Amino acid sequence: MSNETRNHKDNVFCLLYRNKKNLLSLYNAMNGTSYEGIEQGIELGSRIFKAIQSGVTDNNVIAETCECTIEEVERIRKQFGI
């Protein structure tokens, strides 16, 4: 692939996903989630990560503590390798 083609594709991607709403839509499509705001996804990931760091290992307990589904906990664990 030529450098010009790569730059063109990069520019198109940047133009499409400069808008946070479009970027969130792409993220939801790729991860099977339905976040309505970027803050929602970041906050959930942060809560799950903090629960794991505090020594909680059971996904059921983490899901209950973070008020989310077990699937979301598993997805975050897989995404961050924890």
C-alpha atoms as a PDB file:
ATOM      1  CA  MET A   1       0.000   0.000   0.000  1.00  0.00           C
ATOM      2  CA  SER A   2       1.424   3.334  -0.970  1.00  0.00           C
ATOM      3  CA  ASN A   3       1.986   6.096   1.555  1.00  0.00           C
ATOM      4  CA  GLU A   4      -0.535   8.324  -0.263  1.00  0.00           C
ATOM      5  CA  THR A   5      -3.264   5.691   0.017  1.00  0.00           C
ATOM      6  CA  ARG A   6      -2.536   5.210   3.715  1.00  0.00           C
ATOM      7  CA  ASN A   7      -2.676   8.969   4.345  1.00  0.00           C
ATOM      8  CA  HIS A   8      -5.943   9.232   2.431  1.00  0.00           C
ATOM      9  CA  LYS A   9      -7.538   6.444   4.492  1.00  0.00           C
ATOM     10  CA  ASP A  10      -6.277   8.053   7.690  1.00  0.00           C
ATOM     11  CA  ASN A  11      -7.758  11.414   6.691  1.00  0.00           C
ATOM     12  CA  VAL A  12     -11.133   9.842   5.892  1.00  0.00           C
ATOM     13  CA  PHE A  13     -11.157   8.010   9.243  1.00  0.00           C
ATOM     14  CA  CYS A  14     -10.262  11.209  11.095  1.00  0.00           C
ATOM     15  CA  LEU A  15     -12.994  13.152   9.306  1.00  0.00           C
ATOM     16  CA  LEU A  16     -15.641  10.514  10.042  1.00  0.00           C
ATOM     17  CA  TYR A  17     -14.762   9.948  13.669  1.00  0.00           C
ATOM     18  CA  ARG A  18     -13.807  13.473  14.714  1.00  0.00           C
ATOM     19  CA  ASN A  19     -17.392  13.684  15.918  1.00  0.00           C
ATOM     20  CA  LYS A  20     -17.587  11.921  19.310  1.00  0.00           C
ATOM     21  CA  LYS A  21     -21.079  10.630  18.570  1.00  0.00           C
ATOM     22  CA  ASN A  22     -19.825   8.818  15.447  1.00  0.00           C
ATOM     23  CA  LEU A  23     -16.834   7.459  17.349  1.00  0.00           C
ATOM     24  CA  LEU A  24     -19.074   6.164  20.128  1.00  0.00           C
ATOM     25  CA  SER A  25     -21.303   4.519  17.523  1.00  0.00           C
ATOM     26  CA  LEU A  26     -18.269   2.741  16.040  1.00  0.00           C
ATOM     27  CA  TYR A  27     -17.112   1.646  19.513  1.00  0.00           C
ATOM     28  CA  ASN A  28     -20.572   0.274  20.347  1.00  0.00           C
ATOM     29  CA  ALA A  29     -20.749  -1.600  17.041  1.00  0.00           C
ATOM     30  CA  MET A  30     -17.319  -3.162  17.491  1.00  0.00           C
ATOM     31  CA  ASN A  31     -17.806  -4.138  21.141  1.00  0.00           C
ATOM     32  CA  GLY A  32     -21.469  -5.064  21.211  1.00  0.00           C
ATOM     33  CA  THR A  33     -22.242  -2.355  23.742  1.00  0.00           C
ATOM     34  CA  SER A  34     -24.912   0.326  23.843  1.00  0.00           C
ATOM     35  CA  TYR A  35     -23.282   3.223  25.656  1.00  0.00           C
ATOM     36  CA  GLU A  36     -25.090   6.503  25.180  1.00  0.00           C
ATOM     37  CA  GLY A  37     -22.215   8.707  26.269  1.00  0.00           C
ATOM     38  CA  ILE A  38     -18.473   8.323  26.338  1.00  0.00           C
ATOM     39  CA  GLU A  39     -18.434   9.208  30.028  1.00  0.00           C
ATOM     40  CA  GLN A  40     -20.728   6.252  30.769  1.00  0.00           C
ATOM     41  CA  GLY A  41     -18.298   3.750  29.253  1.00  0.00           C
ATOM     42  CA  ILE A  42     -15.256   5.328  30.876  1.00  0.00           C
ATOM     43  CA  GLU A  43     -16.941   5.439  34.280  1.00  0.00           C
ATOM     44  CA  LEU A  44     -18.005   1.787  34.104  1.00  0.00           C
ATOM     45  CA  GLY A  45     -14.546   0.646  33.028  1.00  0.00           C
ATOM     46  CA  SER A  46     -13.002   2.649  35.844  1.00  0.00           C
ATOM     47  CA  ARG A  47     -15.323   1.154  38.473  1.00  0.00           C
ATOM     48  CA  ILE A  48     -14.638  -2.387  37.268  1.00  0.00           C
ATOM     49  CA  PHE A  49     -10.892  -1.776  37.171  1.00  0.00           C
ATOM     50  CA  LYS A  50     -10.904  -0.329  40.715  1.00  0.00           C
ATOM     51  CA  ALA A  51     -12.884  -3.316  42.007  1.00  0.00           C
ATOM     52  CA  ILE A  52     -10.347  -5.711  40.475  1.00  0.00           C
ATOM     53  CA  GLN A  53      -7.428  -3.698  41.868  1.00  0.00           C
ATOM     54  CA  SER A  54      -8.952  -3.853  45.342  1.00  0.00           C
ATOM     55  CA  GLY A  55      -8.681  -7.644  45.209  1.00  0.00           C
ATOM     56  CA  VAL A  56     -12.179  -8.703  44.145  1.00  0.00           C
ATOM     57  CA  THR A  57     -11.815 -11.621  41.726  1.00  0.00           C
ATOM     58  CA  ASP A  58     -15.352 -12.987  41.323  1.00  0.00           C
ATOM     59  CA  ASN A  59     -17.072 -11.539  38.242  1.00  0.00           C
ATOM     60  CA  ASN A  60     -20.495 -11.868  39.916  1.00  0.00           C
ATOM     61  CA  VAL A  61     -19.368  -9.763  42.884  1.00  0.00           C
ATOM     62  CA  ILE A  62     -17.755  -7.170  40.603  1.00  0.00           C
ATOM     63  CA  ALA A  63     -20.920  -6.942  38.478  1.00  0.00           C
ATOM     64  CA  GLU A  64     -23.071  -6.483  41.564  1.00  0.00           C
ATOM     65  CA  THR A  65     -20.706  -3.909  43.083  1.00  0.00           C
ATOM     66  CA  CYS A  66     -20.404  -1.926  39.838  1.00  0.00           C
ATOM     67  CA  GLU A  67     -24.101  -2.265  38.948  1.00  0.00           C
ATOM     68  CA  CYS A  68     -23.427  -3.840  35.557  1.00  0.00           C
ATOM     69  CA  THR A  69     -23.739  -7.191  33.836  1.00  0.00           C
ATOM     70  CA  ILE A  70     -21.308 -10.076  34.099  1.00  0.00           C
ATOM     71  CA  GLU A  71     -20.790  -9.790  30.332  1.00  0.00           C
ATOM     72  CA  GLU A  72     -19.586  -6.198  30.740  1.00  0.00           C
ATOM     73  CA  VAL A  73     -17.133  -7.278  33.432  1.00  0.00           C
ATOM     74  CA  GLU A  74     -15.829 -10.085  31.213  1.00  0.00           C
ATOM     75  CA  ARG A  75     -15.492  -7.714  28.248  1.00  0.00           C
ATOM     76  CA  ILE A  76     -13.495  -5.177  30.302  1.00  0.00           C
ATOM     77  CA  ARG A  77     -11.281  -7.930  31.705  1.00  0.00           C
ATOM     78  CA  LYS A  78     -10.606  -9.273  28.220  1.00  0.00           C
ATOM     79  CA  GLN A  79     -10.054  -5.802  26.775  1.00  0.00           C
ATOM     80  CA  PHE A  80      -7.422  -4.931  29.394  1.00  0.00           C
ATOM     81  CA  GLY A  81      -6.058  -8.432  29.909  1.00  0.00           C
ATOM     82  CA  ILE A  82      -6.967  -8.550  33.596  1.00  0.00           C
END
